[in-house]
Amino acid sequence: MSQARFDELQKELNYLKTTRSDEVAEQIKVARGFGDLSENSEYDEAKNEQGKLYSRIAEVENILLHAVIVEEDEISTDVVSIGSKVTITPVKGGRSMTLLVVGSQESDFKAGAISEESPVGKALMGARAGDTVTVEAPKGPIQYTVDTIER
């Protein structure tokens, strides 16, 4: 993942462990004041929110623990890898498109960032400029020509 995404996740983790954790603890405290906990929907909702919070904290910690930071100057322009900006054209004709191959945590197709784990990302990984790659799509295989690879 990029350093920017890593920093975003660290900032999110800090927020979850401090501010958000305090907010949820306050919700539980207020809900306890409403009386009988067995029929207290506010308490149940606050405890559910606490569970979601702990789950997200564990998820973000796991992502950060196993993250590999890709530096821009380490990205090869010989073959497609994470961090590559790739221009591809459908073999059967159509518009070319430029995609950024990123880790699964950063994918955003609308912004042109595809995960290396997506069907297109998997097909592109390791390809060179001029290669033809086949993407296994639900409607059948689609072939693309790799036009350029940039950082």
C-alpha atoms as a PDB file:
ATOM      1  CA  MET A   1       0.000   0.000   0.000  1.00  0.00           C
ATOM      2  CA  SER A   2       1.058   3.570  -0.406  1.00  0.00           C
ATOM      3  CA  GLN A   3       2.505   5.576   2.461  1.00  0.00           C
ATOM      4  CA  ALA A   4      -0.483   7.933   2.230  1.00  0.00           C
ATOM      5  CA  ARG A   5      -2.978   5.079   2.752  1.00  0.00           C
ATOM      6  CA  PHE A   6      -0.885   3.702   5.616  1.00  0.00           C
ATOM      7  CA  ASP A   7      -0.945   7.131   7.279  1.00  0.00           C
ATOM      8  CA  GLU A   8      -4.729   7.365   6.766  1.00  0.00           C
ATOM      9  CA  LEU A   9      -5.229   4.021   8.482  1.00  0.00           C
ATOM     10  CA  GLN A  10      -2.984   5.024  11.397  1.00  0.00           C
ATOM     11  CA  LYS A  11      -5.006   8.228  11.799  1.00  0.00           C
ATOM     12  CA  GLU A  12      -8.272   6.233  11.691  1.00  0.00           C
ATOM     13  CA  LEU A  13      -6.951   3.788  14.300  1.00  0.00           C
ATOM     14  CA  ASN A  14      -5.974   6.640  16.601  1.00  0.00           C
ATOM     15  CA  TYR A  15      -9.461   8.183  16.214  1.00  0.00           C
ATOM     16  CA  LEU A  16     -11.174   4.844  16.895  1.00  0.00           C
ATOM     17  CA  LYS A  17      -9.096   4.145  20.002  1.00  0.00           C
ATOM     18  CA  THR A  18      -9.515   7.595  21.497  1.00  0.00           C
ATOM     19  CA  THR A  19     -12.420   9.785  20.417  1.00  0.00           C
ATOM     20  CA  ARG A  20     -14.789   7.112  19.100  1.00  0.00           C
ATOM     21  CA  SER A  21     -14.084   4.768  21.994  1.00  0.00           C
ATOM     22  CA  ASP A  22     -14.938   7.550  24.459  1.00  0.00           C
ATOM     23  CA  GLU A  23     -18.164   8.317  22.553  1.00  0.00           C
ATOM     24  CA  VAL A  24     -19.298   4.685  22.676  1.00  0.00           C
ATOM     25  CA  ALA A  25     -18.421   4.390  26.374  1.00  0.00           C
ATOM     26  CA  GLU A  26     -20.551   7.468  27.042  1.00  0.00           C
ATOM     27  CA  GLN A  27     -23.462   5.971  25.050  1.00  0.00           C
ATOM     28  CA  ILE A  28     -23.290   2.828  27.205  1.00  0.00           C
ATOM     29  CA  LYS A  29     -23.128   4.889  30.401  1.00  0.00           C
ATOM     30  CA  VAL A  30     -26.183   6.944  29.416  1.00  0.00           C
ATOM     31  CA  ALA A  31     -28.109   3.851  28.310  1.00  0.00           C
ATOM     32  CA  ARG A  32     -27.434   2.133  31.656  1.00  0.00           C
ATOM     33  CA  GLY A  33     -29.200   5.040  33.322  1.00  0.00           C
ATOM     34  CA  PHE A  34     -32.458   4.125  31.578  1.00  0.00           C
ATOM     35  CA  GLY A  35     -33.051   1.231  33.937  1.00  0.00           C
ATOM     36  CA  ASP A  36     -33.615  -2.495  33.355  1.00  0.00           C
ATOM     37  CA  LEU A  37     -30.910  -3.675  30.935  1.00  0.00           C
ATOM     38  CA  SER A  38     -32.899  -6.712  29.762  1.00  0.00           C
ATOM     39  CA  GLU A  39     -35.459  -4.486  27.987  1.00  0.00           C
ATOM     40  CA  ASN A  40     -33.232  -1.514  27.241  1.00  0.00           C
ATOM     41  CA  SER A  41     -32.909  -1.056  23.465  1.00  0.00           C
ATOM     42  CA  GLU A  42     -30.568   1.922  23.868  1.00  0.00           C
ATOM     43  CA  TYR A  43     -28.182  -0.252  25.877  1.00  0.00           C
ATOM     44  CA  ASP A  44     -28.372  -3.054  23.300  1.00  0.00           C
ATOM     45  CA  GLU A  45     -27.640  -0.591  20.502  1.00  0.00           C
ATOM     46  CA  ALA A  46     -24.711   0.927  22.391  1.00  0.00           C
ATOM     47  CA  LYS A  47     -23.238  -2.538  23.049  1.00  0.00           C
ATOM     48  CA  ASN A  48     -23.660  -3.413  19.353  1.00  0.00           C
ATOM     49  CA  GLU A  49     -21.850  -0.204  18.449  1.00  0.00           C
ATOM     50  CA  GLN A  50     -19.070  -1.142  20.857  1.00  0.00           C
ATOM     51  CA  GLY A  51     -18.748  -4.539  19.161  1.00  0.00           C
ATOM     52  CA  LYS A  52     -18.502  -2.898  15.735  1.00  0.00           C
ATOM     53  CA  LEU A  53     -15.879  -0.495  17.076  1.00  0.00           C
ATOM     54  CA  TYR A  54     -13.730  -3.288  18.519  1.00  0.00           C
ATOM     55  CA  SER A  55     -14.074  -5.247  15.290  1.00  0.00           C
ATOM     56  CA  ARG A  56     -12.923  -2.291  13.171  1.00  0.00           C
ATOM     57  CA  ILE A  57     -10.014  -1.583  15.537  1.00  0.00           C
ATOM     58  CA  ALA A  58      -8.858  -5.204  15.221  1.00  0.00           C
ATOM     59  CA  GLU A  59      -9.248  -5.062  11.427  1.00  0.00           C
ATOM     60  CA  VAL A  60      -7.216  -1.854  11.068  1.00  0.00           C
ATOM     61  CA  GLU A  61      -4.526  -3.113  13.447  1.00  0.00           C
ATOM     62  CA  ASN A  62      -4.224  -6.308  11.398  1.00  0.00           C
ATOM     63  CA  ILE A  63      -3.965  -4.361   8.130  1.00  0.00           C
ATOM     64  CA  LEU A  64      -1.255  -2.092   9.554  1.00  0.00           C
ATOM     65  CA  LEU A  65       0.618  -5.039  11.049  1.00  0.00           C
ATOM     66  CA  HIS A  66       0.858  -6.797   7.678  1.00  0.00           C
ATOM     67  CA  ALA A  67       1.145  -3.736   5.433  1.00  0.00           C
ATOM     68  CA  VAL A  68       3.957  -3.446   2.919  1.00  0.00           C
ATOM     69  CA  ILE A  69       4.699   0.130   1.897  1.00  0.00           C
ATOM     70  CA  VAL A  70       5.444   0.548  -1.801  1.00  0.00           C
ATOM     71  CA  GLU A  71       7.762   3.474  -2.494  1.00  0.00           C
ATOM     72  CA  GLU A  72       7.250   5.215  -5.837  1.00  0.00           C
ATOM     73  CA  ASP A  73      10.923   5.006  -6.802  1.00  0.00           C
ATOM     74  CA  GLU A  74      10.801   1.209  -6.312  1.00  0.00           C
ATOM     75  CA  ILE A  75       8.039   0.777  -8.904  1.00  0.00           C
ATOM     76  CA  SER A  76       9.323  -0.784 -12.112  1.00  0.00           C
ATOM     77  CA  THR A  77       8.168   0.495 -15.482  1.00  0.00           C
ATOM     78  CA  ASP A  78       9.234  -2.784 -17.140  1.00  0.00           C
ATOM     79  CA  VAL A  79       6.434  -4.933 -15.712  1.00  0.00           C
ATOM     80  CA  VAL A  80       3.086  -4.209 -14.081  1.00  0.00           C
ATOM     81  CA  SER A  81       3.219  -4.302 -10.280  1.00  0.00           C
ATOM     82  CA  ILE A  82       1.455  -2.605  -7.392  1.00  0.00           C
ATOM     83  CA  GLY A  83       1.803   1.133  -7.916  1.00  0.00           C
ATOM     84  CA  SER A  84       1.995   0.897 -11.720  1.00  0.00           C
ATOM     85  CA  LYS A  85      -0.090   3.232 -13.841  1.00  0.00           C
ATOM     86  CA  VAL A  86      -1.123   1.106 -16.818  1.00  0.00           C
ATOM     87  CA  THR A  87      -2.820   2.093 -20.064  1.00  0.00           C
ATOM     88  CA  ILE A  88      -4.694  -0.773 -21.708  1.00  0.00           C
ATOM     89  CA  THR A  89      -6.816  -1.100 -24.861  1.00  0.00           C
ATOM     90  CA  PRO A  90      -9.405  -3.798 -25.603  1.00  0.00           C
ATOM     91  CA  VAL A  91      -8.143  -6.088 -28.406  1.00  0.00           C
ATOM     92  CA  LYS A  92     -11.581  -6.120 -30.075  1.00  0.00           C
ATOM     93  CA  GLY A  93     -11.607  -2.339 -30.266  1.00  0.00           C
ATOM     94  CA  GLY A  94     -12.810   0.315 -27.918  1.00  0.00           C
ATOM     95  CA  ARG A  95     -11.412   3.066 -25.783  1.00  0.00           C
ATOM     96  CA  SER A  96      -8.144   2.708 -24.000  1.00  0.00           C
ATOM     97  CA  MET A  97      -8.160   3.261 -20.257  1.00  0.00           C
ATOM     98  CA  THR A  98      -5.544   4.139 -17.710  1.00  0.00           C
ATOM     99  CA  LEU A  99      -5.643   2.269 -14.417  1.00  0.00           C
ATOM    100  CA  LEU A 100      -3.567   2.461 -11.265  1.00  0.00           C
ATOM    101  CA  VAL A 101      -2.838  -0.974  -9.760  1.00  0.00           C
ATOM    102  CA  VAL A 102      -3.089  -0.729  -5.973  1.00  0.00           C
ATOM    103  CA  GLY A 103      -3.448  -2.961  -2.931  1.00  0.00           C
ATOM    104  CA  SER A 104      -6.903  -4.170  -1.989  1.00  0.00           C
ATOM    105  CA  GLN A 105      -7.238  -1.524   0.743  1.00  0.00           C
ATOM    106  CA  GLU A 106      -6.899   1.312  -1.757  1.00  0.00           C
ATOM    107  CA  SER A 107      -9.022   0.151  -4.675  1.00  0.00           C
ATOM    108  CA  ASP A 108     -11.530   2.661  -6.047  1.00  0.00           C
ATOM    109  CA  PHE A 109     -12.691   1.767  -9.551  1.00  0.00           C
ATOM    110  CA  LYS A 110     -14.454   5.109 -10.081  1.00  0.00           C
ATOM    111  CA  ALA A 111     -11.105   6.829  -9.523  1.00  0.00           C
ATOM    112  CA  GLY A 112      -9.308   4.349 -11.801  1.00  0.00           C
ATOM    113  CA  ALA A 113      -7.566   2.502  -8.972  1.00  0.00           C
ATOM    114  CA  ILE A 114      -7.955  -1.278  -9.224  1.00  0.00           C
ATOM    115  CA  SER A 115      -6.849  -3.916  -6.768  1.00  0.00           C
ATOM    116  CA  GLU A 116      -4.148  -6.381  -7.724  1.00  0.00           C
ATOM    117  CA  GLU A 117      -6.630  -9.009  -6.517  1.00  0.00           C
ATOM    118  CA  SER A 118      -9.371  -7.981  -8.980  1.00  0.00           C
ATOM    119  CA  PRO A 119      -9.768  -9.947 -12.235  1.00  0.00           C
ATOM    120  CA  VAL A 120      -8.172  -7.123 -14.267  1.00  0.00           C
ATOM    121  CA  GLY A 121      -5.452  -6.591 -11.678  1.00  0.00           C
ATOM    122  CA  LYS A 122      -4.580 -10.293 -11.598  1.00  0.00           C
ATOM    123  CA  ALA A 123      -4.363 -10.413 -15.391  1.00  0.00           C
ATOM    124  CA  LEU A 124      -2.125  -7.330 -15.523  1.00  0.00           C
ATOM    125  CA  MET A 125       0.335  -8.283 -12.776  1.00  0.00           C
ATOM    126  CA  GLY A 126       3.702  -9.133 -14.350  1.00  0.00           C
ATOM    127  CA  ALA A 127       2.666  -8.079 -17.862  1.00  0.00           C
ATOM    128  CA  ARG A 128       4.958  -5.955 -20.034  1.00  0.00           C
ATOM    129  CA  ALA A 129       4.148  -3.170 -22.500  1.00  0.00           C
ATOM    130  CA  GLY A 130       2.945  -4.765 -25.728  1.00  0.00           C
ATOM    131  CA  ASP A 131       1.645  -7.923 -24.000  1.00  0.00           C
ATOM    132  CA  THR A 132      -1.909  -9.120 -24.447  1.00  0.00           C
ATOM    133  CA  VAL A 133      -3.645 -10.170 -21.244  1.00  0.00           C
ATOM    134  CA  THR A 134      -6.869 -12.093 -20.783  1.00  0.00           C
ATOM    135  CA  VAL A 135      -9.325 -11.077 -18.091  1.00  0.00           C
ATOM    136  CA  GLU A 136     -11.784 -13.711 -16.940  1.00  0.00           C
ATOM    137  CA  ALA A 137     -15.075 -11.796 -16.836  1.00  0.00           C
ATOM    138  CA  PRO A 138     -18.547 -13.135 -15.996  1.00  0.00           C
ATOM    139  CA  LYS A 139     -19.576 -12.881 -19.674  1.00  0.00           C
ATOM    140  CA  GLY A 140     -16.420 -14.607 -20.838  1.00  0.00           C
ATOM    141  CA  PRO A 141     -12.761 -13.756 -21.397  1.00  0.00           C
ATOM    142  CA  ILE A 142     -11.821 -10.239 -22.506  1.00  0.00           C
ATOM    143  CA  GLN A 143      -8.410  -9.471 -23.982  1.00  0.00           C
ATOM    144  CA  TYR A 144      -6.511  -6.225 -23.498  1.00  0.00           C
ATOM    145  CA  THR A 145      -3.225  -4.962 -24.898  1.00  0.00           C
ATOM    146  CA  VAL A 146      -0.896  -3.312 -22.408  1.00  0.00           C
ATOM    147  CA  ASP A 147       0.064  -0.014 -24.052  1.00  0.00           C
ATOM    148  CA  THR A 148       2.193   1.718 -21.422  1.00  0.00           C
ATOM    149  CA  ILE A 149       3.441   1.199 -17.879  1.00  0.00           C
ATOM    150  CA  GLU A 150       4.335   4.238 -15.777  1.00  0.00           C
ATOM    151  CA  ARG A 151       4.980   5.097 -12.132  1.00  0.00           C
END
